[in-house]
């Protein structure tokens, strides 16, 4: 697996050199960019964008930054009117961001490099999972009872932790959708273009 990963890395380096020879920067509308994009949940993904798509995304990000505080304040106000027990998780909402990794004049080459990078990332995750797996230990019959009790305790604690994490993730997702809705409304009002997004209500009486 390590050898395959090294080969893939070498292939990426070679393709990067070829793309650099073709020329970097946004000099042509036919240019394609491999970018790293992070959304409002700070989830990072790799994308292939044309030069025009990249410029449009940059414009969207700049508009969002300008209206950020206004949309955040409107979202928090709507959240509070829902009589939520949970405070508005504004620290969980992140500004979008995009950065260029490589530039290409051939879309197929950009997509191929994207695929290679994703394969390498996937292989790395699989290796990490294998390393974290612990070998099963054999217990004597005399310690079975105490081991079972400890196991049950940790199982309940783990279940509760998972439930709390799911609840937190659900609140974050709802807050992000609410913020995106408010941002779309404010943007439409300021630019006079498009229709405001449909109102999204926050969860009421969160437990």
N, C-alpha and C. Protein backbone atom coordinates (compact mmCIF):
# COMPACT_ATOMS: atom_id res chain seq x y z
N UNK A 1 0.83 -1.21 0.00
CA UNK A 1 0.00 0.00 0.00
C UNK A 1 0.86 1.26 0.00
N UNK A 2 1.99 1.23 0.77
CA UNK A 2 2.87 2.39 0.84
C UNK A 2 3.52 2.65 -0.52
N UNK A 3 3.92 1.55 -1.21
CA UNK A 3 4.55 1.68 -2.51
C UNK A 3 3.59 2.32 -3.51
N UNK A 4 2.32 1.88 -3.47
CA UNK A 4 1.32 2.44 -4.37
C UNK A 4 1.12 3.93 -4.10
N UNK A 5 1.12 4.28 -2.81
CA UNK A 5 0.94 5.68 -2.44
C UNK A 5 2.10 6.52 -2.95
N UNK A 6 3.31 6.00 -2.85
CA UNK A 6 4.49 6.72 -3.32
C UNK A 6 4.41 6.94 -4.83
N UNK A 7 3.98 5.88 -5.54
CA UNK A 7 3.83 5.99 -7.00
C UNK A 7 2.82 7.07 -7.36
N UNK A 8 1.72 7.11 -6.60
CA UNK A 8 0.69 8.12 -6.86
C UNK A 8 1.21 9.52 -6.61
N UNK A 9 2.00 9.68 -5.54
CA UNK A 9 2.57 10.99 -5.22
C UNK A 9 3.51 11.45 -6.33
N UNK A 10 4.31 10.51 -6.83
CA UNK A 10 5.21 10.83 -7.92
C UNK A 10 4.44 11.25 -9.17
N UNK A 11 3.32 10.57 -9.40
CA UNK A 11 2.48 10.91 -10.56
C UNK A 11 1.92 12.31 -10.41
N UNK A 12 1.55 12.68 -9.19
CA UNK A 12 1.02 14.02 -8.94
C UNK A 12 2.10 15.07 -9.17
N UNK A 13 3.30 14.79 -8.68
CA UNK A 13 4.41 15.73 -8.86
C UNK A 13 4.72 15.94 -10.34
N UNK A 14 4.70 14.84 -11.10
CA UNK A 14 4.99 14.92 -12.53
C UNK A 14 3.92 15.73 -13.25
N UNK A 15 2.66 15.45 -12.90
CA UNK A 15 1.56 16.19 -13.53
C UNK A 15 1.60 17.67 -13.16
N UNK A 16 2.02 17.95 -11.92
CA UNK A 16 2.12 19.34 -11.46
C UNK A 16 3.18 20.08 -12.27
N UNK A 17 4.30 19.40 -12.53
CA UNK A 17 5.36 20.02 -13.31
C UNK A 17 4.89 20.30 -14.74
N UNK A 18 4.12 19.35 -15.30
CA UNK A 18 3.59 19.53 -16.66
C UNK A 18 2.62 20.70 -16.71
N UNK A 19 1.79 20.80 -15.67
CA UNK A 19 0.81 21.89 -15.65
C UNK A 19 1.51 23.23 -15.49
N UNK A 20 2.60 23.25 -14.71
CA UNK A 20 3.35 24.49 -14.52
C UNK A 20 3.99 24.93 -15.83
N UNK A 21 4.44 23.95 -16.61
CA UNK A 21 5.05 24.27 -17.90
C UNK A 21 4.03 24.88 -18.85
N UNK A 22 2.77 24.47 -18.68
CA UNK A 22 1.71 25.01 -19.53
C UNK A 22 1.37 26.45 -19.16
N UNK A 23 1.69 26.78 -17.91
CA UNK A 23 1.43 28.16 -17.46
C UNK A 23 0.46 28.21 -16.31
N UNK A 24 0.75 29.06 -15.30
CA UNK A 24 -0.11 29.19 -14.14
C UNK A 24 -0.86 30.51 -14.20
N UNK A 25 -1.83 30.68 -13.25
CA UNK A 25 -2.61 31.90 -13.18
C UNK A 25 -3.85 31.82 -14.03
N UNK A 26 -4.72 32.80 -13.87
CA UNK A 26 -5.98 32.84 -14.60
C UNK A 26 -5.80 33.63 -15.90
N UNK A 27 -5.04 33.08 -16.81
CA UNK A 27 -4.74 33.77 -18.05
C UNK A 27 -5.72 33.44 -19.16
N UNK A 28 -6.44 32.33 -19.01
CA UNK A 28 -7.34 31.90 -20.07
C UNK A 28 -8.64 31.39 -19.49
N UNK A 29 -9.77 31.66 -20.16
CA UNK A 29 -11.06 31.12 -19.67
C UNK A 29 -11.11 29.59 -19.79
N UNK A 30 -10.16 29.01 -20.52
CA UNK A 30 -10.11 27.55 -20.66
C UNK A 30 -9.26 26.90 -19.58
N UNK A 31 -8.78 27.70 -18.63
CA UNK A 31 -7.95 27.16 -17.56
C UNK A 31 -8.82 26.46 -16.52
N UNK A 32 -8.28 25.36 -15.95
CA UNK A 32 -8.99 24.60 -14.93
C UNK A 32 -8.14 24.56 -13.67
N UNK A 33 -8.82 24.70 -12.55
CA UNK A 33 -8.12 24.81 -11.27
C UNK A 33 -8.54 23.70 -10.31
N UNK A 34 -7.55 23.09 -9.71
CA UNK A 34 -7.81 22.15 -8.62
C UNK A 34 -7.74 22.97 -7.34
N UNK A 35 -8.85 23.04 -6.62
CA UNK A 35 -8.92 23.92 -5.45
C UNK A 35 -9.32 23.13 -4.20
N UNK A 36 -8.97 23.70 -3.06
CA UNK A 36 -9.43 23.18 -1.77
C UNK A 36 -10.51 24.14 -1.28
N UNK A 37 -11.70 23.59 -1.04
CA UNK A 37 -12.86 24.41 -0.67
C UNK A 37 -13.39 23.98 0.68
N UNK A 38 -13.66 24.95 1.54
CA UNK A 38 -14.26 24.65 2.85
C UNK A 38 -15.58 25.40 2.97
N UNK A 39 -16.60 24.70 3.48
CA UNK A 39 -17.95 25.26 3.55
C UNK A 39 -18.23 25.84 4.93
N UNK A 40 -19.50 26.14 5.20
CA UNK A 40 -19.89 26.76 6.47
C UNK A 40 -19.68 25.84 7.67
N UNK A 41 -19.60 24.54 7.43
CA UNK A 41 -19.34 23.59 8.51
C UNK A 41 -17.85 23.29 8.65
N UNK A 42 -17.02 24.02 7.90
CA UNK A 42 -15.57 23.84 7.88
C UNK A 42 -15.17 22.49 7.29
N UNK A 43 -16.07 21.91 6.52
CA UNK A 43 -15.77 20.66 5.84
C UNK A 43 -14.99 20.97 4.57
N UNK A 44 -13.82 20.36 4.45
CA UNK A 44 -12.93 20.64 3.32
C UNK A 44 -13.03 19.57 2.25
N UNK A 45 -13.16 20.00 1.01
CA UNK A 45 -13.21 19.09 -0.12
C UNK A 45 -12.35 19.64 -1.26
N UNK A 46 -11.98 18.76 -2.17
CA UNK A 46 -11.24 19.16 -3.36
C UNK A 46 -12.22 19.25 -4.52
N UNK A 47 -12.04 20.27 -5.35
CA UNK A 47 -12.92 20.47 -6.50
C UNK A 47 -12.09 20.89 -7.71
N UNK A 48 -12.64 20.61 -8.88
CA UNK A 48 -12.06 21.12 -10.12
C UNK A 48 -13.01 22.18 -10.66
N UNK A 49 -12.50 23.41 -10.82
CA UNK A 49 -13.31 24.52 -11.29
C UNK A 49 -12.68 25.14 -12.53
N UNK A 50 -13.53 25.65 -13.40
CA UNK A 50 -13.03 26.42 -14.53
C UNK A 50 -12.63 27.80 -13.98
N UNK A 51 -11.91 28.56 -14.79
CA UNK A 51 -11.49 29.89 -14.36
C UNK A 51 -12.70 30.77 -14.04
N UNK A 52 -13.75 30.68 -14.86
CA UNK A 52 -14.95 31.47 -14.64
C UNK A 52 -15.69 31.04 -13.38
N UNK A 53 -15.74 29.73 -13.12
CA UNK A 53 -16.39 29.22 -11.91
C UNK A 53 -15.63 29.67 -10.67
N UNK A 54 -14.32 29.70 -10.77
CA UNK A 54 -13.49 30.14 -9.64
C UNK A 54 -13.74 31.62 -9.34
N UNK A 55 -13.79 32.43 -10.38
CA UNK A 55 -14.04 33.86 -10.20
C UNK A 55 -15.43 34.10 -9.58
N UNK A 56 -16.42 33.32 -10.02
CA UNK A 56 -17.78 33.45 -9.47
C UNK A 56 -17.81 33.06 -8.00
N UNK A 57 -17.06 32.02 -7.65
CA UNK A 57 -17.01 31.57 -6.26
C UNK A 57 -16.31 32.61 -5.39
N UNK A 58 -15.24 33.21 -5.90
CA UNK A 58 -14.55 34.27 -5.16
C UNK A 58 -15.48 35.44 -4.90
N UNK A 59 -16.27 35.81 -5.90
CA UNK A 59 -17.22 36.91 -5.75
C UNK A 59 -18.25 36.59 -4.68
N UNK A 60 -18.73 35.33 -4.68
CA UNK A 60 -19.70 34.88 -3.68
C UNK A 60 -19.11 34.95 -2.27
N UNK A 61 -17.85 34.53 -2.14
CA UNK A 61 -17.18 34.53 -0.84
C UNK A 61 -16.96 35.96 -0.34
N UNK A 62 -16.59 36.86 -1.24
CA UNK A 62 -16.38 38.26 -0.86
C UNK A 62 -17.69 38.92 -0.43
N UNK A 63 -18.77 38.62 -1.14
CA UNK A 63 -20.09 39.15 -0.77
C UNK A 63 -20.51 38.62 0.59
N UNK A 64 -20.27 37.34 0.80
CA UNK A 64 -20.61 36.71 2.09
C UNK A 64 -19.85 37.37 3.23
N UNK A 65 -18.56 37.63 3.03
CA UNK A 65 -17.74 38.25 4.08
C UNK A 65 -18.26 39.65 4.42
N UNK A 66 -18.70 40.37 3.41
CA UNK A 66 -19.22 41.73 3.61
C UNK A 66 -20.52 41.74 4.41
N UNK A 67 -21.35 40.72 4.18
CA UNK A 67 -22.67 40.65 4.84
C UNK A 67 -22.68 39.69 6.02
N UNK A 68 -21.53 39.18 6.41
CA UNK A 68 -21.43 38.12 7.41
C UNK A 68 -22.09 38.50 8.73
N UNK A 69 -21.67 39.62 9.33
CA UNK A 69 -22.18 40.00 10.65
C UNK A 69 -23.68 40.29 10.61
N UNK A 70 -24.14 40.89 9.53
CA UNK A 70 -25.57 41.21 9.40
C UNK A 70 -26.40 39.93 9.33
N UNK A 71 -25.94 38.96 8.55
CA UNK A 71 -26.66 37.69 8.41
C UNK A 71 -26.59 36.88 9.70
N UNK A 72 -25.45 36.94 10.37
CA UNK A 72 -25.28 36.20 11.62
C UNK A 72 -26.19 36.75 12.71
N UNK A 73 -26.29 38.08 12.76
CA UNK A 73 -27.15 38.73 13.75
C UNK A 73 -28.63 38.39 13.50
N UNK A 74 -29.04 38.41 12.23
CA UNK A 74 -30.42 38.09 11.88
C UNK A 74 -30.73 36.63 12.20
N UNK A 75 -29.77 35.76 12.00
CA UNK A 75 -29.96 34.33 12.29
C UNK A 75 -30.12 34.10 13.78
N UNK A 76 -29.29 34.78 14.56
CA UNK A 76 -29.35 34.62 16.02
C UNK A 76 -30.68 35.13 16.57
N UNK A 77 -31.17 36.22 16.00
CA UNK A 77 -32.45 36.78 16.45
C UNK A 77 -33.60 35.81 16.16
N UNK A 78 -33.58 35.22 14.97
CA UNK A 78 -34.62 34.24 14.61
C UNK A 78 -34.53 33.01 15.49
N UNK A 79 -33.32 32.59 15.77
CA UNK A 79 -33.09 31.41 16.63
C UNK A 79 -33.68 31.64 18.01
N UNK A 80 -33.45 32.83 18.57
CA UNK A 80 -33.92 33.13 19.92
C UNK A 80 -35.43 33.25 19.98
N UNK A 81 -36.07 33.69 18.91
CA UNK A 81 -37.53 33.79 18.90
C UNK A 81 -38.17 32.40 18.89
N UNK A 82 -37.40 31.38 18.56
CA UNK A 82 -37.91 30.02 18.59
C UNK A 82 -37.92 29.43 19.98
N UNK A 83 -37.53 30.27 20.99
CA UNK A 83 -37.52 29.85 22.39
C UNK A 83 -36.67 28.60 22.61
N UNK A 84 -35.51 28.62 22.05
CA UNK A 84 -34.60 27.49 22.21
C UNK A 84 -33.90 27.54 23.56
N UNK A 85 -33.75 26.38 24.15
CA UNK A 85 -32.98 26.26 25.38
C UNK A 85 -31.49 26.32 25.06
N UNK A 86 -31.14 25.85 23.88
CA UNK A 86 -29.75 25.87 23.44
C UNK A 86 -29.41 27.24 22.86
N UNK A 87 -28.24 27.80 23.21
CA UNK A 87 -27.84 29.09 22.61
C UNK A 87 -27.50 28.90 21.14
N UNK A 88 -27.60 29.97 20.39
CA UNK A 88 -27.30 29.91 18.97
C UNK A 88 -25.81 29.58 18.78
N UNK A 89 -25.50 28.48 18.09
CA UNK A 89 -24.10 28.04 17.95
C UNK A 89 -23.36 28.77 16.84
N UNK A 90 -23.20 30.09 16.99
CA UNK A 90 -22.59 30.88 15.91
C UNK A 90 -21.12 30.54 15.71
N UNK A 91 -20.46 30.03 16.76
CA UNK A 91 -19.05 29.65 16.60
C UNK A 91 -18.88 28.41 15.73
N UNK A 92 -19.99 27.71 15.47
CA UNK A 92 -19.94 26.52 14.63
C UNK A 92 -20.14 26.85 13.15
N UNK A 93 -20.42 28.12 12.86
CA UNK A 93 -20.62 28.55 11.47
C UNK A 93 -19.34 29.23 10.98
N UNK A 94 -18.79 28.74 9.93
CA UNK A 94 -17.51 29.24 9.43
C UNK A 94 -17.67 29.89 8.05
N UNK A 95 -16.83 30.85 7.78
CA UNK A 95 -16.86 31.49 6.47
C UNK A 95 -16.28 30.54 5.42
N UNK A 96 -16.89 30.57 4.25
CA UNK A 96 -16.39 29.74 3.15
C UNK A 96 -15.00 30.22 2.75
N UNK A 97 -14.22 29.28 2.22
CA UNK A 97 -12.89 29.64 1.77
C UNK A 97 -12.47 28.75 0.60
N UNK A 98 -11.67 29.28 -0.28
CA UNK A 98 -11.18 28.49 -1.42
C UNK A 98 -9.74 28.88 -1.70
N UNK A 99 -8.90 27.91 -1.99
CA UNK A 99 -7.50 28.18 -2.32
C UNK A 99 -7.08 27.27 -3.47
N UNK A 100 -6.26 27.81 -4.35
CA UNK A 100 -5.80 27.06 -5.52
C UNK A 100 -4.64 26.14 -5.15
N UNK A 101 -4.76 24.88 -5.57
CA UNK A 101 -3.68 23.91 -5.35
C UNK A 101 -2.81 23.82 -6.60
N UNK A 102 -3.46 23.60 -7.74
CA UNK A 102 -2.74 23.53 -9.02
C UNK A 102 -3.64 24.09 -10.12
N UNK A 103 -3.02 24.53 -11.22
CA UNK A 103 -3.78 25.00 -12.37
C UNK A 103 -3.41 24.17 -13.60
N UNK A 104 -4.37 23.97 -14.48
CA UNK A 104 -4.20 23.14 -15.68
C UNK A 104 -4.87 23.80 -16.88
N UNK A 105 -4.43 23.42 -18.05
CA UNK A 105 -5.11 23.87 -19.27
C UNK A 105 -5.96 22.73 -19.85
N UNK A 106 -5.93 21.59 -19.15
CA UNK A 106 -6.68 20.42 -19.60
C UNK A 106 -7.57 19.94 -18.45
N UNK A 107 -8.89 19.92 -18.68
CA UNK A 107 -9.82 19.53 -17.62
C UNK A 107 -9.63 18.08 -17.22
N UNK A 108 -9.37 17.21 -18.18
CA UNK A 108 -9.19 15.79 -17.88
C UNK A 108 -7.99 15.57 -16.96
N UNK A 109 -6.92 16.33 -17.17
CA UNK A 109 -5.73 16.21 -16.32
C UNK A 109 -6.05 16.65 -14.89
N UNK A 110 -6.82 17.73 -14.75
CA UNK A 110 -7.19 18.23 -13.43
C UNK A 110 -8.04 17.21 -12.68
N UNK A 111 -8.98 16.59 -13.38
CA UNK A 111 -9.85 15.58 -12.77
C UNK A 111 -9.04 14.35 -12.38
N UNK A 112 -8.05 13.98 -13.21
CA UNK A 112 -7.21 12.82 -12.92
C UNK A 112 -6.40 13.04 -11.65
N UNK A 113 -5.86 14.24 -11.49
CA UNK A 113 -5.08 14.56 -10.29
C UNK A 113 -5.99 14.59 -9.06
N UNK A 114 -7.20 15.11 -9.23
CA UNK A 114 -8.17 15.12 -8.13
C UNK A 114 -8.46 13.69 -7.68
N UNK A 115 -8.66 12.79 -8.64
CA UNK A 115 -8.93 11.39 -8.33
C UNK A 115 -7.75 10.74 -7.60
N UNK A 116 -6.53 11.05 -8.03
CA UNK A 116 -5.34 10.49 -7.39
C UNK A 116 -5.21 10.96 -5.95
N UNK A 117 -5.44 12.24 -5.74
CA UNK A 117 -5.36 12.78 -4.38
C UNK A 117 -6.40 12.15 -3.45
N UNK A 118 -7.60 11.95 -3.96
CA UNK A 118 -8.66 11.34 -3.15
C UNK A 118 -8.34 9.89 -2.83
N UNK A 119 -7.73 9.19 -3.79
CA UNK A 119 -7.33 7.80 -3.55
C UNK A 119 -6.25 7.72 -2.48
N UNK A 120 -5.29 8.63 -2.54
CA UNK A 120 -4.21 8.65 -1.55
C UNK A 120 -4.78 8.96 -0.16
N UNK A 121 -5.70 9.93 -0.09
CA UNK A 121 -6.33 10.29 1.18
C UNK A 121 -7.11 9.10 1.74
N UNK A 122 -7.82 8.39 0.86
CA UNK A 122 -8.59 7.22 1.29
C UNK A 122 -7.69 6.11 1.78
N UNK A 123 -6.56 5.90 1.11
CA UNK A 123 -5.61 4.86 1.52
C UNK A 123 -5.01 5.19 2.88
N UNK A 124 -4.75 6.49 3.10
CA UNK A 124 -4.19 6.91 4.39
C UNK A 124 -5.15 6.66 5.54
N UNK A 125 -6.44 6.91 5.29
CA UNK A 125 -7.45 6.67 6.33
C UNK A 125 -7.56 5.19 6.66
N UNK A 126 -7.48 4.33 5.63
CA UNK A 126 -7.57 2.89 5.85
C UNK A 126 -6.40 2.39 6.68
N UNK A 127 -5.20 2.91 6.40
CA UNK A 127 -4.01 2.51 7.17
C UNK A 127 -4.13 2.95 8.62
N UNK A 128 -4.69 4.15 8.83
CA UNK A 128 -4.86 4.66 10.20
C UNK A 128 -5.84 3.79 10.98
N UNK A 129 -6.91 3.35 10.30
CA UNK A 129 -7.89 2.48 10.95
C UNK A 129 -7.27 1.16 11.38
N UNK A 130 -6.42 0.60 10.51
CA UNK A 130 -5.77 -0.67 10.82
C UNK A 130 -4.84 -0.54 12.01
N UNK A 131 -4.14 0.61 12.11
CA UNK A 131 -3.20 0.81 13.21
C UNK A 131 -3.90 0.99 14.54
N UNK A 132 -5.11 1.58 14.49
CA UNK A 132 -5.85 1.84 15.74
C UNK A 132 -6.62 0.63 16.24
N UNK A 133 -6.75 -0.41 15.41
CA UNK A 133 -7.44 -1.62 15.83
C UNK A 133 -6.61 -2.36 16.88
N UNK A 134 -7.24 -2.73 17.94
CA UNK A 134 -6.54 -3.43 19.01
C UNK A 134 -6.82 -4.93 18.92
N UNK A 135 -5.81 -5.76 19.18
CA UNK A 135 -6.04 -7.20 19.16
C UNK A 135 -6.94 -7.63 20.31
N UNK A 136 -7.79 -8.59 20.03
CA UNK A 136 -8.71 -9.06 21.07
C UNK A 136 -7.94 -9.81 22.15
N UNK A 137 -8.21 -9.47 23.40
CA UNK A 137 -7.53 -10.12 24.52
C UNK A 137 -8.41 -11.20 25.09
N UNK A 138 -7.78 -12.30 25.53
CA UNK A 138 -8.52 -13.42 26.10
C UNK A 138 -8.63 -13.25 27.60
N UNK A 139 -9.85 -13.35 28.13
CA UNK A 139 -10.08 -13.19 29.55
C UNK A 139 -10.33 -14.54 30.21
N UNK A 140 -9.82 -14.68 31.40
CA UNK A 140 -10.06 -15.92 32.15
C UNK A 140 -11.48 -15.93 32.66
N UNK A 141 -11.99 -17.11 32.97
CA UNK A 141 -13.38 -17.25 33.41
C UNK A 141 -13.64 -16.53 34.73
N UNK A 142 -12.59 -16.39 35.57
CA UNK A 142 -12.76 -15.76 36.88
C UNK A 142 -12.99 -14.25 36.76
N UNK A 143 -12.51 -13.66 35.65
CA UNK A 143 -12.63 -12.22 35.50
C UNK A 143 -13.75 -11.83 34.55
N UNK A 144 -14.53 -12.79 34.08
CA UNK A 144 -15.59 -12.51 33.10
C UNK A 144 -16.64 -11.57 33.66
N UNK A 145 -17.02 -11.77 34.93
CA UNK A 145 -18.08 -10.98 35.53
C UNK A 145 -17.69 -9.51 35.64
N UNK A 146 -16.48 -9.24 36.17
CA UNK A 146 -16.03 -7.87 36.34
C UNK A 146 -15.79 -7.20 34.98
N UNK A 147 -15.28 -7.97 34.03
CA UNK A 147 -15.04 -7.43 32.69
C UNK A 147 -16.35 -7.04 32.03
N UNK A 148 -17.39 -7.86 32.25
CA UNK A 148 -18.70 -7.57 31.66
C UNK A 148 -19.27 -6.28 32.24
N UNK A 149 -19.12 -6.08 33.57
CA UNK A 149 -19.65 -4.88 34.22
C UNK A 149 -18.95 -3.63 33.70
N UNK A 150 -17.62 -3.71 33.59
CA UNK A 150 -16.87 -2.57 33.08
C UNK A 150 -17.25 -2.28 31.64
N UNK A 151 -17.43 -3.35 30.88
CA UNK A 151 -17.81 -3.20 29.48
C UNK A 151 -19.16 -2.52 29.34
N UNK A 152 -20.12 -2.91 30.17
CA UNK A 152 -21.44 -2.30 30.14
C UNK A 152 -21.39 -0.82 30.50
N UNK A 153 -20.55 -0.49 31.49
CA UNK A 153 -20.41 0.91 31.92
C UNK A 153 -19.89 1.77 30.79
N UNK A 154 -18.82 1.31 30.15
CA UNK A 154 -18.24 2.08 29.06
C UNK A 154 -19.16 2.13 27.84
N UNK A 155 -19.94 1.07 27.66
CA UNK A 155 -20.88 1.04 26.55
C UNK A 155 -21.96 2.11 26.73
N UNK A 156 -22.47 2.25 27.95
CA UNK A 156 -23.48 3.27 28.23
C UNK A 156 -22.90 4.67 28.08
N UNK A 157 -21.66 4.84 28.56
CA UNK A 157 -21.00 6.14 28.46
C UNK A 157 -20.76 6.52 27.00
N UNK A 158 -20.37 5.52 26.21
CA UNK A 158 -20.13 5.76 24.79
C UNK A 158 -21.42 6.10 24.06
N UNK A 159 -22.51 5.41 24.43
CA UNK A 159 -23.81 5.68 23.82
C UNK A 159 -24.27 7.10 24.11
N UNK A 160 -24.08 7.52 25.36
CA UNK A 160 -24.48 8.88 25.74
C UNK A 160 -23.64 9.92 25.00
N UNK A 161 -22.35 9.63 24.87
CA UNK A 161 -21.46 10.55 24.16
C UNK A 161 -21.88 10.69 22.70
N UNK A 162 -22.23 9.56 22.08
CA UNK A 162 -22.67 9.57 20.68
C UNK A 162 -23.96 10.38 20.53
N UNK A 163 -24.89 10.20 21.48
CA UNK A 163 -26.15 10.93 21.44
C UNK A 163 -25.92 12.43 21.54
N UNK A 164 -24.99 12.83 22.42
CA UNK A 164 -24.67 14.26 22.58
C UNK A 164 -24.03 14.82 21.32
N UNK A 165 -23.16 14.04 20.70
CA UNK A 165 -22.50 14.48 19.47
C UNK A 165 -23.50 14.62 18.32
N UNK A 166 -24.45 13.67 18.26
CA UNK A 166 -25.48 13.74 17.23
C UNK A 166 -26.38 14.96 17.43
N UNK A 167 -26.70 15.25 18.69
CA UNK A 167 -27.53 16.42 19.01
C UNK A 167 -26.80 17.70 18.62
N UNK A 168 -25.51 17.76 18.93
CA UNK A 168 -24.70 18.93 18.60
C UNK A 168 -24.61 19.11 17.08
N UNK A 169 -24.42 18.00 16.38
CA UNK A 169 -24.32 18.05 14.91
C UNK A 169 -25.64 18.50 14.30
N UNK A 170 -26.76 18.05 14.89
CA UNK A 170 -28.08 18.43 14.39
C UNK A 170 -28.32 19.93 14.58
N UNK A 171 -27.94 20.46 15.75
CA UNK A 171 -28.09 21.89 16.01
C UNK A 171 -27.21 22.71 15.07
N UNK A 172 -25.99 22.22 14.84
CA UNK A 172 -25.08 22.92 13.94
C UNK A 172 -25.63 22.96 12.52
N UNK A 173 -26.15 21.83 12.07
CA UNK A 173 -26.71 21.75 10.72
C UNK A 173 -27.89 22.70 10.56
N UNK A 174 -28.76 22.75 11.57
CA UNK A 174 -29.92 23.64 11.51
C UNK A 174 -29.49 25.10 11.53
N UNK A 175 -28.48 25.41 12.36
CA UNK A 175 -27.98 26.79 12.44
C UNK A 175 -27.37 27.22 11.11
N UNK A 176 -26.64 26.33 10.47
CA UNK A 176 -26.01 26.64 9.19
C UNK A 176 -27.06 26.88 8.11
N UNK A 177 -28.11 26.04 8.11
CA UNK A 177 -29.18 26.21 7.13
C UNK A 177 -29.92 27.53 7.36
N UNK A 178 -30.12 27.88 8.64
CA UNK A 178 -30.77 29.13 8.97
C UNK A 178 -29.91 30.32 8.52
N UNK A 179 -28.62 30.23 8.78
CA UNK A 179 -27.70 31.30 8.38
C UNK A 179 -27.66 31.45 6.86
N UNK A 180 -27.58 30.33 6.15
CA UNK A 180 -27.56 30.37 4.68
C UNK A 180 -28.82 31.01 4.14
N UNK A 181 -29.95 30.73 4.79
CA UNK A 181 -31.23 31.31 4.38
C UNK A 181 -31.23 32.83 4.57
N UNK A 182 -30.76 33.27 5.75
CA UNK A 182 -30.71 34.70 6.04
C UNK A 182 -29.73 35.42 5.11
N UNK A 183 -28.59 34.78 4.85
CA UNK A 183 -27.60 35.37 3.97
C UNK A 183 -28.17 35.54 2.55
N UNK A 184 -28.91 34.54 2.08
CA UNK A 184 -29.52 34.61 0.75
C UNK A 184 -30.56 35.73 0.69
N UNK A 185 -31.33 35.87 1.75
CA UNK A 185 -32.34 36.93 1.79
C UNK A 185 -31.70 38.31 1.76
N UNK A 186 -30.68 38.51 2.59
CA UNK A 186 -30.01 39.81 2.67
C UNK A 186 -29.30 40.14 1.37
N UNK A 187 -28.67 39.13 0.77
CA UNK A 187 -27.98 39.32 -0.50
C UNK A 187 -28.96 39.72 -1.59
N UNK A 188 -30.12 39.05 -1.62
CA UNK A 188 -31.15 39.35 -2.62
C UNK A 188 -31.69 40.76 -2.44
N UNK A 189 -31.84 41.19 -1.18
CA UNK A 189 -32.34 42.53 -0.90
C UNK A 189 -31.35 43.60 -1.33
N UNK A 190 -30.07 43.36 -1.11
CA UNK A 190 -29.04 44.36 -1.43
C UNK A 190 -28.75 44.43 -2.92
N UNK A 191 -28.77 43.29 -3.58
CA UNK A 191 -28.44 43.27 -5.01
C UNK A 191 -29.67 43.45 -5.88
N UNK A 192 -30.85 43.16 -5.30
CA UNK A 192 -32.09 43.27 -6.08
C UNK A 192 -32.22 42.19 -7.12
N UNK A 193 -31.47 41.10 -6.92
CA UNK A 193 -31.50 39.99 -7.87
C UNK A 193 -31.96 38.73 -7.17
N UNK A 194 -32.75 37.93 -7.89
CA UNK A 194 -33.19 36.63 -7.38
C UNK A 194 -34.24 36.77 -6.30
N UNK A 195 -34.77 35.64 -5.89
CA UNK A 195 -35.79 35.59 -4.87
C UNK A 195 -35.18 35.11 -3.56
N UNK A 196 -35.62 35.68 -2.41
CA UNK A 196 -35.12 35.22 -1.13
C UNK A 196 -35.40 33.74 -0.92
N UNK A 197 -34.49 33.07 -0.24
CA UNK A 197 -34.67 31.64 0.02
C UNK A 197 -35.83 31.43 0.98
N UNK A 198 -36.39 30.24 0.99
CA UNK A 198 -37.51 29.92 1.85
C UNK A 198 -37.08 29.96 3.31
N UNK A 199 -37.92 30.53 4.16
CA UNK A 199 -37.60 30.67 5.57
C UNK A 199 -37.43 29.31 6.22
N UNK A 200 -36.36 29.19 7.01
CA UNK A 200 -36.08 27.95 7.74
C UNK A 200 -36.21 28.24 9.22
N UNK A 201 -37.05 27.51 9.92
CA UNK A 201 -37.28 27.75 11.34
C UNK A 201 -36.29 26.95 12.17
N UNK A 202 -35.79 27.55 13.25
CA UNK A 202 -34.88 26.82 14.13
C UNK A 202 -35.65 25.82 14.96
N UNK A 203 -34.98 24.81 15.53
CA UNK A 203 -35.68 23.84 16.38
C UNK A 203 -36.17 24.51 17.64
N UNK A 204 -37.42 24.33 18.02
CA UNK A 204 -37.97 24.96 19.19
C UNK A 204 -37.89 24.05 20.41
N UNK A 205 -37.67 24.69 21.57
CA UNK A 205 -37.60 23.94 22.84
C UNK A 205 -36.63 22.79 22.73
N UNK A 206 -35.39 23.08 22.32
CA UNK A 206 -34.37 22.03 22.22
C UNK A 206 -34.07 21.47 23.57
N UNK A 207 -33.91 20.16 23.63
CA UNK A 207 -33.64 19.49 24.90
C UNK A 207 -32.15 19.29 25.08
